[in-house]
Protein backbone atom coordinates (compact mmCIF):
# COMPACT_ATOMS: atom_id res chain seq x y z
CA MET A 1 62.84 116.05 88.42
CA LYS A 2 66.09 116.80 86.58
CA HIS A 3 69.06 117.41 88.71
CA ASP A 4 72.53 118.97 87.76
CA ILE A 5 74.76 118.37 90.76
CA ALA A 6 78.56 118.77 90.52
CA ILE A 7 80.70 117.47 93.39
CA ILE A 8 84.10 118.97 93.66
CA GLY A 9 86.48 116.33 95.21
CA ALA A 10 86.54 112.59 95.26
CA GLY A 11 87.31 112.22 98.99
CA LEU A 12 85.09 110.03 101.21
CA GLY A 13 82.26 112.61 101.74
CA GLY A 14 81.85 113.49 98.06
CA LEU A 15 81.91 109.83 97.17
CA LEU A 16 79.36 109.04 99.83
CA LEU A 17 77.01 111.79 98.72
CA ALA A 18 77.16 110.61 95.08
CA ARG A 19 76.54 107.00 96.18
CA VAL A 20 73.33 107.76 98.11
CA LEU A 21 71.94 110.03 95.40
CA HIS A 22 72.75 107.22 92.80
CA LEU A 23 70.74 104.73 94.92
CA HIS A 24 67.79 107.02 94.54
CA GLY A 25 68.16 107.58 90.72
CA ILE A 26 69.70 111.13 91.05
CA PRO A 27 72.92 111.29 88.97
CA ALA A 28 75.82 113.47 90.19
CA THR A 29 79.26 114.02 88.68
CA ILE A 30 82.31 114.15 90.81
CA TYR A 31 85.25 116.34 89.56
CA GLU A 32 88.58 115.36 91.04
CA ALA A 33 92.05 116.96 90.49
CA GLU A 34 94.02 113.80 90.75
CA ALA A 35 94.66 111.95 87.45
CA ALA A 36 93.32 108.54 88.86
CA ALA A 37 92.14 106.69 91.92
CA ASP A 38 95.62 105.44 92.69
CA ALA A 39 97.55 108.71 91.90
CA ARG A 40 98.71 108.90 95.56
CA THR A 41 98.54 106.89 98.79
CA GLN A 42 95.50 107.62 100.85
CA GLY A 43 96.83 107.61 104.35
CA GLY A 44 96.51 105.11 107.18
CA LEU A 45 93.83 103.68 109.25
CA LEU A 46 90.44 105.20 110.17
CA ASP A 47 88.14 104.14 113.04
CA ILE A 48 84.63 104.21 111.71
CA HIS A 49 82.00 105.17 114.32
CA THR A 50 78.61 103.58 114.76
CA GLU A 51 76.78 106.88 115.03
CA THR A 52 78.18 108.73 112.16
CA GLY A 53 80.50 106.93 109.58
CA GLN A 54 78.68 103.54 109.78
CA ARG A 55 75.33 105.13 109.73
CA ALA A 56 76.18 106.93 106.59
CA LEU A 57 77.53 103.68 105.07
CA ARG A 58 74.13 102.03 105.95
CA ASP A 59 72.41 104.81 104.10
CA ALA A 60 74.60 104.16 101.16
CA GLY A 61 73.78 100.31 101.26
CA LEU A 62 77.53 99.51 101.91
CA ILE A 63 77.63 98.50 105.46
CA ASP A 64 78.20 94.81 104.55
CA ALA A 65 80.75 95.76 102.14
CA PHE A 66 82.51 97.77 104.73
CA LYS A 67 82.46 94.98 107.29
CA SER A 68 84.27 92.89 104.71
CA ILE A 69 87.13 95.31 104.71
CA ALA A 70 87.37 96.30 108.27
CA LEU A 71 90.40 95.12 110.19
CA PRO A 72 89.54 93.16 113.42
CA GLY A 73 91.63 93.96 116.44
CA GLU A 74 93.44 96.84 114.73
CA ASP A 75 92.04 99.20 117.51
CA ALA A 76 94.58 98.26 120.06
CA LYS A 77 96.31 101.05 121.76
CA ARG A 78 99.41 101.46 123.87
CA ILE A 79 100.57 104.55 125.49
CA VAL A 80 104.22 105.00 126.59
CA ASP A 81 106.46 107.84 127.98
CA CYS A 82 109.68 108.91 126.40
CA THR A 83 111.65 106.06 128.10
CA GLY A 84 109.34 103.37 126.60
CA ALA A 85 107.60 102.80 129.91
CA ILE A 86 104.08 101.40 129.33
CA LEU A 87 101.33 103.76 130.88
CA PHE A 88 98.25 102.11 129.14
CA ASP A 89 97.67 99.01 127.07
CA GLN A 90 94.42 98.27 125.38
CA PRO A 91 94.22 95.03 123.44
CA GLY A 92 92.19 95.01 120.30
CA ALA A 93 88.56 94.26 120.47
CA HIS A 94 87.02 92.08 117.85
CA GLY A 95 83.42 93.16 116.97
CA CYS A 96 83.97 96.68 118.65
CA ASP A 97 81.68 99.53 117.68
CA ARG A 98 84.49 101.64 116.18
CA PRO A 99 86.28 99.13 113.64
CA GLU A 100 89.27 100.31 111.78
CA VAL A 101 89.78 100.30 108.03
CA SER A 102 92.31 101.36 105.56
CA ARG A 103 91.37 104.83 104.22
CA GLY A 104 92.46 103.66 100.73
CA ALA A 105 90.38 100.44 100.99
CA LEU A 106 87.37 102.53 102.08
CA ARG A 107 87.79 105.11 99.30
CA ASN A 108 88.08 102.28 96.62
CA MET A 109 84.98 100.72 97.91
CA LEU A 110 83.02 103.87 97.59
CA ILE A 111 84.37 104.44 94.03
CA ASP A 112 83.55 100.93 92.90
CA SER A 113 80.01 101.47 94.23
CA LEU A 114 79.41 104.27 91.60
CA PRO A 115 78.86 104.08 87.87
CA PRO A 116 82.19 104.06 85.89
CA ASP A 117 81.62 107.66 84.56
CA ALA A 118 80.69 109.20 87.94
CA VAL A 119 84.15 110.50 88.55
CA ARG A 120 85.95 112.85 86.12
CA TRP A 121 89.57 112.46 86.89
CA GLY A 122 92.17 115.02 86.12
CA ALA A 123 89.69 117.80 86.62
CA LYS A 124 91.42 120.46 88.85
CA VAL A 125 89.51 123.61 89.58
CA CYS A 126 91.41 126.75 88.77
CA ALA A 127 88.64 129.41 89.30
CA VAL A 128 84.93 129.88 90.31
CA ALA A 129 82.70 132.76 88.74
CA VAL A 130 79.95 133.64 91.22
CA GLY A 131 76.59 133.71 89.62
CA LYS A 132 73.09 134.74 90.84
CA ARG A 133 71.92 131.23 91.42
CA ARG A 134 74.28 129.21 89.45
CA HIS A 135 78.04 129.37 89.68
CA ARG A 136 80.55 128.68 86.97
CA VAL A 137 83.46 126.32 87.79
CA MET A 138 86.46 126.46 85.54
CA PHE A 139 89.23 123.80 85.25
CA THR A 140 92.77 123.88 84.26
CA ASN A 141 92.10 121.70 81.25
CA GLY A 142 90.01 124.50 79.78
CA GLN A 143 86.61 123.06 80.46
CA SER A 144 83.93 124.60 82.59
CA ILE A 145 80.57 123.67 83.99
CA THR A 146 77.65 125.67 85.35
CA PRO A 147 75.48 123.22 87.35
CA ASP A 148 72.42 123.79 89.48
CA LEU A 149 74.35 122.81 92.64
CA VAL A 150 78.06 122.92 93.45
CA VAL A 151 79.05 120.80 96.43
CA GLY A 152 82.55 121.72 97.68
CA ALA A 153 84.02 118.46 98.97
CA ASP A 154 87.52 119.45 98.09
CA GLY A 155 89.20 119.42 101.46
CA ALA A 156 91.27 121.88 103.60
CA TRP A 157 92.14 124.34 100.89
CA SER A 158 88.81 124.26 99.06
CA ARG A 159 88.47 126.22 95.98
CA ILE A 160 84.71 126.43 96.44
CA ARG A 161 84.68 127.69 100.03
CA PRO A 162 85.31 131.29 98.92
CA LEU A 163 81.86 131.45 97.45
CA LEU A 164 80.51 131.08 100.93
CA ALA A 165 83.24 132.52 103.33
CA ASP A 166 86.66 134.10 103.15
CA THR A 167 87.99 132.04 106.15
CA GLN A 168 91.18 129.96 105.59
CA PRO A 169 92.52 127.32 107.85
CA GLY A 170 94.99 128.29 110.59
CA TYR A 171 98.12 126.47 111.71
CA SER A 172 97.59 124.61 114.92
CA GLY A 173 101.28 124.63 116.07
CA ILE A 174 101.66 121.07 115.56
CA CYS A 175 103.32 119.42 112.56
CA PHE A 176 103.30 115.77 111.54
CA ILE A 177 106.22 114.07 109.68
CA GLU A 178 105.43 110.79 107.98
CA ILE A 179 107.63 107.88 109.11
CA GLY A 180 107.59 104.15 108.61
CA LEU A 181 109.53 100.84 108.75
CA LEU A 182 108.76 98.85 105.68
CA ASP A 183 110.70 95.73 106.57
CA GLY A 184 108.99 95.56 110.05
CA VAL A 185 110.18 92.77 112.24
CA ALA A 186 112.99 91.77 109.87
CA GLN A 187 115.37 94.50 110.96
CA HIS A 188 113.73 96.34 113.95
CA GLN A 189 112.56 93.70 116.32
CA ALA A 190 112.78 95.77 119.47
CA ALA A 191 111.05 98.72 117.98
CA VAL A 192 108.16 96.56 116.60
CA ASP A 193 107.69 94.81 119.97
CA ALA A 194 107.37 98.20 121.54
CA ILE A 195 104.15 98.97 119.40
CA GLY A 196 102.06 96.16 120.89
CA GLY A 197 99.13 94.84 118.94
CA GLY A 198 98.05 98.16 117.15
CA THR A 199 98.89 101.75 117.60
CA LEU A 200 101.71 103.10 119.84
CA MET A 201 101.52 106.60 121.10
CA ALA A 202 104.77 107.76 122.68
CA VAL A 203 104.13 111.39 123.87
CA ALA A 204 105.77 114.13 125.92
CA PRO A 205 105.07 117.83 126.07
CA GLY A 206 105.24 119.20 122.64
CA LYS A 207 106.23 116.07 120.71
CA GLY A 208 105.28 112.53 120.17
CA ILE A 209 105.80 109.52 117.99
CA MET A 210 102.56 107.68 116.91
CA VAL A 211 102.94 104.49 114.75
CA HIS A 212 100.79 101.53 113.74
CA GLN A 213 101.87 98.05 112.72
CA GLY A 214 99.69 96.58 109.92
CA ALA A 215 98.91 93.02 109.37
CA GLY A 216 101.65 92.67 106.80
CA GLY A 217 104.42 93.84 109.19
CA GLU A 218 104.82 97.33 107.92
CA VAL A 219 104.91 100.14 110.50
CA ARG A 220 103.60 103.46 109.40
CA GLY A 221 102.80 106.79 111.32
CA TYR A 222 104.17 110.17 112.28
CA ALA A 223 106.59 112.03 114.30
CA ALA A 224 104.76 115.11 115.72
CA LEU A 225 106.35 118.25 116.85
CA ARG A 226 105.12 121.60 118.29
CA LYS A 227 107.18 124.06 116.24
CA PRO A 228 106.60 127.36 114.25
CA GLU A 229 105.45 126.57 110.73
CA GLY A 230 108.55 128.36 109.54
CA TRP A 231 110.71 125.85 111.40
CA VAL A 232 109.18 122.98 109.46
CA HIS A 233 109.46 124.72 106.21
CA ALA A 234 113.20 125.30 106.71
CA ILE A 235 113.91 121.64 106.57
CA ASP A 236 114.81 120.27 103.13
CA PHE A 237 112.73 117.24 103.02
CA SER A 238 114.07 116.38 99.46
CA ASP A 239 117.15 115.06 101.36
CA ALA A 240 115.35 112.43 103.22
CA ARG A 241 118.29 111.26 105.48
CA ALA A 242 119.31 114.66 106.49
CA ALA A 243 115.76 115.72 107.27
CA LEU A 244 115.03 112.65 109.34
CA GLU A 245 118.29 113.12 111.23
CA ARG A 246 117.16 116.80 112.01
CA VAL A 247 113.77 115.59 113.21
CA ALA A 248 115.35 112.73 115.26
CA ARG A 249 117.40 115.28 117.15
CA GLU A 250 114.30 116.73 118.68
CA PHE A 251 113.90 113.14 120.30
CA GLY A 252 117.51 112.97 121.41
CA ASP A 253 116.94 111.99 125.07
CA TRP A 254 114.15 109.40 124.15
CA SER A 255 114.50 105.60 124.31
CA PRO A 256 116.53 104.11 121.32
CA SER A 257 113.54 101.78 120.70
CA LEU A 258 111.41 104.75 119.94
CA ARG A 259 113.89 106.98 118.14
CA VAL A 260 114.52 104.26 115.54
CA PHE A 261 111.03 104.97 114.11
CA VAL A 262 112.28 108.42 113.03
CA ARG A 263 116.08 107.84 112.50
CA GLU A 264 115.69 104.58 110.50
CA SER A 265 112.44 105.67 108.75
CA GLN A 266 112.13 104.07 105.27
CA VAL A 267 109.32 106.16 103.72
CA VAL A 268 109.61 109.53 102.12
CA PRO A 269 109.44 112.03 105.21
CA VAL A 270 106.59 114.41 104.08
CA ALA A 271 105.72 117.29 106.51
CA ARG A 272 102.14 117.70 107.19
CA PRO A 273 101.44 120.85 109.42
CA ILE A 274 98.13 120.34 111.05
CA HIS A 275 95.59 123.22 110.09
CA ALA A 276 92.05 123.83 111.35
CA LEU A 277 89.33 126.16 110.58
CA PRO A 278 87.88 128.32 113.47
CA VAL A 279 85.70 126.40 115.74
CA GLY A 280 81.99 127.16 114.90
CA MET A 281 82.70 128.46 111.31
CA ARG A 282 79.49 128.96 109.43
CA TRP A 283 78.26 131.01 106.49
CA ASP A 284 75.20 132.75 105.20
CA ARG A 285 72.90 130.80 102.77
CA VAL A 286 74.09 131.33 99.15
CA PRO A 287 72.04 129.70 96.42
CA GLY A 288 73.46 126.84 94.52
CA VAL A 289 76.42 125.98 96.68
CA THR A 290 77.43 124.33 99.85
CA LEU A 291 80.35 122.41 101.62
CA LEU A 292 80.98 119.12 103.23
CA GLY A 293 83.80 117.47 105.08
CA ASP A 294 87.03 119.19 105.57
CA ALA A 295 85.97 122.05 103.27
CA ALA A 296 83.25 122.92 105.82
CA HIS A 297 84.86 122.11 109.10
CA LEU A 298 88.56 121.23 108.93
CA MET A 299 89.79 120.14 112.32
CA SER A 300 92.79 118.36 113.87
CA PRO A 301 92.66 114.52 114.05
CA PHE A 302 92.54 114.52 117.75
CA ALA A 303 88.78 113.78 117.97
CA GLY A 304 88.83 110.99 115.47
CA GLU A 305 85.75 112.58 113.73
CA GLY A 306 87.08 114.01 110.52
CA ALA A 307 86.44 111.05 108.21
CA ASN A 308 83.30 110.07 110.02
CA LEU A 309 81.93 113.60 109.68
CA ALA A 310 82.68 113.67 105.98
CA LEU A 311 80.72 110.58 105.41
CA PHE A 312 77.92 111.61 107.58
CA ASP A 313 77.87 115.04 105.85
CA GLY A 314 77.56 113.34 102.62
CA ALA A 315 74.61 111.12 103.73
CA GLN A 316 72.85 114.06 105.38
CA LEU A 317 73.10 116.34 102.34
CA ALA A 318 71.66 113.63 100.05
CA ARG A 319 68.91 113.06 102.51
CA ALA A 320 68.08 116.69 102.57
CA ILE A 321 68.06 116.72 98.61
CA LEU A 322 65.73 113.72 98.64
CA ASP A 323 63.41 115.31 101.13
CA HIS A 324 63.05 118.61 99.31
CA PRO A 325 62.54 117.61 95.67
CA GLY A 326 62.68 120.55 93.21
CA ASP A 327 63.81 122.99 95.97
CA THR A 328 67.59 123.07 96.27
CA ASP A 329 67.57 126.07 98.66
CA ALA A 330 65.40 124.44 101.12
CA ALA A 331 67.51 121.35 100.96
CA LEU A 332 70.64 123.34 101.65
CA ARG A 333 69.03 125.18 104.52
CA ALA A 334 67.94 121.99 106.15
CA TYR A 335 71.31 120.49 105.71
CA GLU A 336 73.36 123.33 107.08
CA ALA A 337 70.99 123.89 109.99
CA GLU A 338 72.18 120.54 111.34
CA LEU A 339 75.84 120.66 109.81
CA PHE A 340 76.83 123.79 111.83
CA PRO A 341 76.15 122.88 115.40
CA ARG A 342 77.20 119.21 114.85
CA SER A 343 80.65 120.21 113.34
CA ALA A 344 81.16 122.92 115.96
CA ALA A 345 80.90 120.42 118.76
CA CYS A 346 83.36 118.03 117.09
CA ALA A 347 85.86 120.78 116.23
CA ASP A 348 85.76 122.16 119.82
CA ALA A 349 86.49 118.65 121.22
CA SER A 350 89.28 118.35 118.57
CA ALA A 351 90.78 121.57 119.48
CA ARG A 352 90.73 120.83 123.39
CA ASN A 353 92.21 117.21 122.78
CA LEU A 354 95.07 118.62 120.66
CA ALA A 355 96.01 121.05 123.41
CA LEU A 356 95.90 118.28 126.02
CA PHE A 357 97.62 115.79 123.69
CA PHE A 358 100.80 117.79 123.57
CA GLY A 359 100.46 119.91 126.62
CA ASP A 360 102.38 120.05 129.87
CA ASP A 361 100.57 117.14 131.36
CA ALA A 362 101.55 114.70 128.52
CA PRO A 363 101.56 111.74 128.51
CA GLY A 364 99.30 111.40 131.39
CA SER A 365 96.71 113.59 129.62
CA VAL A 366 96.72 111.29 126.65
CA VAL A 367 95.91 108.26 128.95
CA ASP A 368 93.02 110.33 130.32
CA ILE A 369 91.65 111.20 126.97
CA VAL A 370 91.80 107.54 125.61
CA LYS A 371 90.19 106.22 129.01
CA ARG A 372 87.37 108.94 128.66
CA THR A 373 86.62 107.90 125.11
CA ARG A 374 86.53 104.26 126.07
CA ARG A 375 83.87 105.12 128.93
CA GLN A 376 81.85 107.11 126.45
CA HIS A 377 81.59 104.20 123.95
CA ALA A 378 81.60 101.35 126.34
């Protein structure tokens, strides 16, 4: 049976979908706006869950490859208040059911598992023309495609989503600003010691500093602030030192060992407002198109499910296609019937955790969230 499948976006979910289809002899082409796999950094660490992310990697025949790049003991967590007083300290667990991995390493592993021509780099979507059963996707390089199936795996601001729904992500009220200490212990011993063995979460109502120390000594993470989106956009982040000083003033009464992560940060301070799609978003079935990952269910990172759901979506969509040979509409109906309730439950948990994380009861509420998660996965 001939298939003509176009996956828009070379994120984790789109790559996983292509990999499972490839294992079963079904070709799919991924169209990615970025010029190359290494065009930009791919963020920090992900914890990959047994029941979703790892299950998807098993379906893709990549679980052993994943284990070879997982980082043992990197799941350690320490929670402190604004004075630096330790409220919770969890050491890293070797062999835990949610091992952590670098997002970049995981993405590269998936790319390497595909044929060399599976990803078309530099293919940025500029428009989509709706058809009866097949939709025309146009790219800024002047090319266009009209495949049998278009899969929108193109993230928060998906160009494919409008084929199915006119919903756009809304600002959550929380903005992250990237921070990091690249020389690690060499210049900032007290600050590094405050982190513990993995991730440090220093939280107060409406703000937080969350950083992770990698094996090489680098410290990377975010300063988080509950601010109007306009406040964030008013800061000129092209002037890194002035921008960091402005953000650091929001932590003026915090311990110096915590403020140093912001004030002395050595990475480009990129602002990342946290957006989310409405909890429970769904769409009516449209022939020839569907969504996965953030394009389908963007949520805040406070349930730890985003990357795991993207991987799982990819595996489940591949399975639906395999289970309904020659009937794409039946495959998409089956896939979406499970996608909607699964993603709604995770998005609801994410929204509730976000409210608790930076709410009036922080940092105690953060300790409660981490302890509850530990009990659920003990």
